[in-house]
Amino acid sequence: MGSSLPLSGDGIGWMAIPTGTVGFICAEPDVAVPFADLLHEGAPTDPTVLDVVVERVGAGDLALHIDGEPLLVSGRVADVVDGIVGVLNRAVLDHGPDSLHLHGAGVELGGVGHLLAGPSGSGKTTLAAALLEVGARYLTDEICTVDPDAVSIPAYPKPLTLKPGWS
């Protein structure tokens, strides 16, 4: 593992999502890179709600296991990253069935949360990225969950996903 990734030498780390702690074991540093800002080094101290394991199999292939069950095998790092993001998205959605889940981005600027909701391709992520450049704090660019009993939107900081050509 590269020293710039927040994983132990064994490729072990963890991340927090609104549903709880996710254990992360990864044999391929390139898979961990998109999650680097979310990962914490070492084994999780809290019980995990989800365990993600990426291992090398065969000649250049990677296998993604979720909670011990195989999800996919691919030679492409992007496929494995997409698989992880999809599983994390589903875990967040399944966590709050009584909450309102909006396809949108969320940032905090000046102590105030801002929800940027809209259809795919409308520029939510692009606007969130531009706000980050002027000092906003990133919350999510995928799912904003509005809890009817709270006055806050829990952060779900999956990797920021910008379409090619954004600068």
Foldseek 3Di string as FASTA:
>chain_A
DDPLAQEPPQQWWWFAFPLGIETEREPDVVLCVLVRVGTHYDGDPDDHPKYWHWDDDDDQKIWIDIPNHTDDIGNDSVVNNVVVVVVLVVSVCVRCVPWDKAFAWWWADPNDIDTGGDDPPPCRLVVVVVVVVVPIHGQDNGIWTGDPVDPDTHGGHRRRDDDPPRD
